[in-house]
């Protein structure tokens, strides 16, 4: 089970993860695309989960 997913597609069966500590020219992390079965899940955050507020 991976917890460092940058981007994913369950229907297409791939995930994009950071490739070590490497950065590109703009300072963004380099990523690699891994293929295989993808299963999305939600972590139980308990009774009072943190709330993201926009504004």
N, C-alpha and C. Protein backbone atom coordinates (compact mmCIF):
# COMPACT_ATOMS: atom_id res chain seq x y z
N UNK A 1 0.84 -1.17 0.00
CA UNK A 1 0.00 0.00 0.00
C UNK A 1 0.89 1.24 0.00
N UNK A 2 0.62 2.15 -0.90
CA UNK A 2 1.40 3.39 -1.00
C UNK A 2 0.58 4.54 -0.45
N UNK A 3 1.25 5.46 0.18
CA UNK A 3 0.58 6.65 0.69
C UNK A 3 1.18 7.93 0.11
N UNK A 4 2.07 7.79 -0.86
CA UNK A 4 2.75 8.95 -1.44
C UNK A 4 2.32 9.21 -2.89
N UNK A 5 1.05 9.00 -3.18
CA UNK A 5 0.53 9.14 -4.53
C UNK A 5 0.33 10.61 -4.87
N UNK A 6 0.85 11.05 -6.00
CA UNK A 6 0.66 12.42 -6.47
C UNK A 6 -0.63 12.52 -7.30
N UNK A 7 -0.88 11.51 -8.13
CA UNK A 7 -2.02 11.50 -9.04
C UNK A 7 -2.35 10.04 -9.33
N UNK A 8 -3.63 9.75 -9.63
CA UNK A 8 -3.98 8.36 -9.93
C UNK A 8 -5.20 8.29 -10.83
N UNK A 9 -5.38 7.11 -11.46
CA UNK A 9 -6.57 6.81 -12.25
C UNK A 9 -6.94 5.35 -11.98
N UNK A 10 -8.05 5.15 -11.29
CA UNK A 10 -8.50 3.80 -10.98
C UNK A 10 -8.94 3.09 -12.26
N UNK A 11 -9.67 3.80 -13.12
CA UNK A 11 -10.20 3.17 -14.33
C UNK A 11 -9.10 2.78 -15.32
N UNK A 12 -8.03 3.57 -15.40
CA UNK A 12 -6.94 3.25 -16.33
C UNK A 12 -5.85 2.41 -15.68
N UNK A 13 -5.86 2.27 -14.36
CA UNK A 13 -4.90 1.40 -13.67
C UNK A 13 -3.49 1.94 -13.56
N UNK A 14 -3.32 3.22 -13.18
CA UNK A 14 -1.99 3.77 -13.00
C UNK A 14 -1.97 4.76 -11.85
N UNK A 15 -0.78 4.95 -11.30
CA UNK A 15 -0.54 5.97 -10.27
C UNK A 15 0.73 6.71 -10.63
N UNK A 16 0.84 7.96 -10.20
CA UNK A 16 2.05 8.76 -10.42
C UNK A 16 2.61 9.07 -9.05
N UNK A 17 3.89 8.68 -8.83
CA UNK A 17 4.54 8.88 -7.54
C UNK A 17 5.85 9.65 -7.75
N UNK A 18 6.32 10.29 -6.69
CA UNK A 18 7.56 11.04 -6.75
C UNK A 18 8.73 10.08 -6.89
N UNK A 19 9.69 10.44 -7.74
CA UNK A 19 10.87 9.61 -8.00
C UNK A 19 12.00 10.06 -7.07
N UNK A 20 11.98 9.56 -5.86
CA UNK A 20 13.01 9.93 -4.88
C UNK A 20 12.92 11.39 -4.50
N UNK A 21 14.06 12.02 -4.32
CA UNK A 21 14.09 13.44 -3.95
C UNK A 21 14.47 14.33 -5.13
N UNK A 22 14.43 13.78 -6.33
CA UNK A 22 14.81 14.52 -7.53
C UNK A 22 13.80 15.61 -7.85
N UNK A 23 14.33 16.74 -8.33
CA UNK A 23 13.49 17.86 -8.73
C UNK A 23 13.79 18.23 -10.18
N UNK A 24 12.78 18.78 -10.87
CA UNK A 24 13.01 19.23 -12.23
C UNK A 24 13.58 20.65 -12.21
N UNK A 25 13.72 21.27 -13.37
CA UNK A 25 14.31 22.61 -13.47
C UNK A 25 13.51 23.68 -12.76
N UNK A 26 12.22 23.44 -12.62
CA UNK A 26 11.35 24.42 -11.97
C UNK A 26 11.19 24.17 -10.48
N UNK A 27 11.88 23.15 -9.96
CA UNK A 27 11.81 22.84 -8.54
C UNK A 27 10.67 21.92 -8.15
N UNK A 28 9.96 21.40 -9.14
CA UNK A 28 8.86 20.46 -8.87
C UNK A 28 9.42 19.04 -8.79
N UNK A 29 8.80 18.16 -7.99
CA UNK A 29 9.30 16.79 -7.90
C UNK A 29 9.15 16.03 -9.22
N UNK A 30 10.17 15.25 -9.56
CA UNK A 30 10.07 14.37 -10.73
C UNK A 30 9.17 13.21 -10.34
N UNK A 31 8.31 12.80 -11.24
CA UNK A 31 7.39 11.71 -10.95
C UNK A 31 7.54 10.60 -11.97
N UNK A 32 7.16 9.39 -11.57
CA UNK A 32 7.12 8.25 -12.48
C UNK A 32 5.72 7.67 -12.45
N UNK A 33 5.33 7.06 -13.54
CA UNK A 33 4.00 6.47 -13.67
C UNK A 33 4.13 4.96 -13.50
N UNK A 34 3.41 4.42 -12.52
CA UNK A 34 3.40 2.98 -12.27
C UNK A 34 2.05 2.43 -12.70
N UNK A 35 2.03 1.27 -13.35
CA UNK A 35 0.77 0.67 -13.79
C UNK A 35 0.49 -0.60 -13.01
N UNK A 36 -0.77 -0.91 -12.90
CA UNK A 36 -1.21 -2.11 -12.19
C UNK A 36 -2.57 -1.85 -11.57
N UNK A 37 -3.08 -2.80 -10.78
CA UNK A 37 -4.39 -2.59 -10.15
C UNK A 37 -4.32 -1.45 -9.14
N UNK A 38 -5.32 -0.55 -9.20
CA UNK A 38 -5.38 0.61 -8.30
C UNK A 38 -6.64 0.51 -7.47
N UNK A 39 -6.50 0.65 -6.16
CA UNK A 39 -7.65 0.62 -5.25
C UNK A 39 -7.61 1.89 -4.40
N UNK A 40 -8.67 2.69 -4.48
CA UNK A 40 -8.75 3.91 -3.69
C UNK A 40 -9.39 3.60 -2.35
N UNK A 41 -8.93 4.26 -1.29
CA UNK A 41 -9.51 4.06 0.05
C UNK A 41 -9.43 5.37 0.81
N UNK A 42 -10.29 5.49 1.81
CA UNK A 42 -10.33 6.68 2.65
C UNK A 42 -9.94 6.30 4.06
N UNK A 43 -9.08 7.09 4.66
CA UNK A 43 -8.64 6.84 6.02
C UNK A 43 -9.71 7.36 6.98
N UNK A 44 -10.00 6.58 8.03
CA UNK A 44 -10.97 7.00 9.04
C UNK A 44 -10.32 8.08 9.91
N UNK A 45 -10.87 9.29 9.88
CA UNK A 45 -10.29 10.40 10.62
C UNK A 45 -10.96 10.62 11.97
N UNK A 46 -11.85 9.71 12.37
CA UNK A 46 -12.45 9.79 13.70
C UNK A 46 -13.71 10.65 13.74
N UNK A 47 -14.12 10.98 14.96
CA UNK A 47 -15.36 11.71 15.21
C UNK A 47 -15.31 13.15 14.72
N UNK A 48 -14.20 13.86 14.94
CA UNK A 48 -14.08 15.27 14.57
C UNK A 48 -12.95 15.48 13.56
N UNK A 49 -13.20 15.14 12.29
CA UNK A 49 -12.14 15.28 11.28
C UNK A 49 -11.81 16.75 11.04
N UNK A 50 -10.57 17.05 10.64
CA UNK A 50 -10.23 18.42 10.30
C UNK A 50 -11.00 18.88 9.07
N UNK A 51 -11.37 20.14 9.02
CA UNK A 51 -12.15 20.67 7.92
C UNK A 51 -11.32 21.70 7.16
N UNK A 52 -11.28 21.55 5.85
CA UNK A 52 -10.58 22.51 5.01
C UNK A 52 -11.56 23.62 4.67
N UNK A 53 -11.19 24.83 5.00
CA UNK A 53 -12.09 25.96 4.74
C UNK A 53 -11.52 26.81 3.62
N UNK A 54 -12.36 27.11 2.67
CA UNK A 54 -11.95 27.95 1.54
C UNK A 54 -12.40 29.37 1.83
N UNK A 55 -11.56 30.30 1.53
CA UNK A 55 -12.03 31.66 1.72
C UNK A 55 -10.97 32.58 1.94
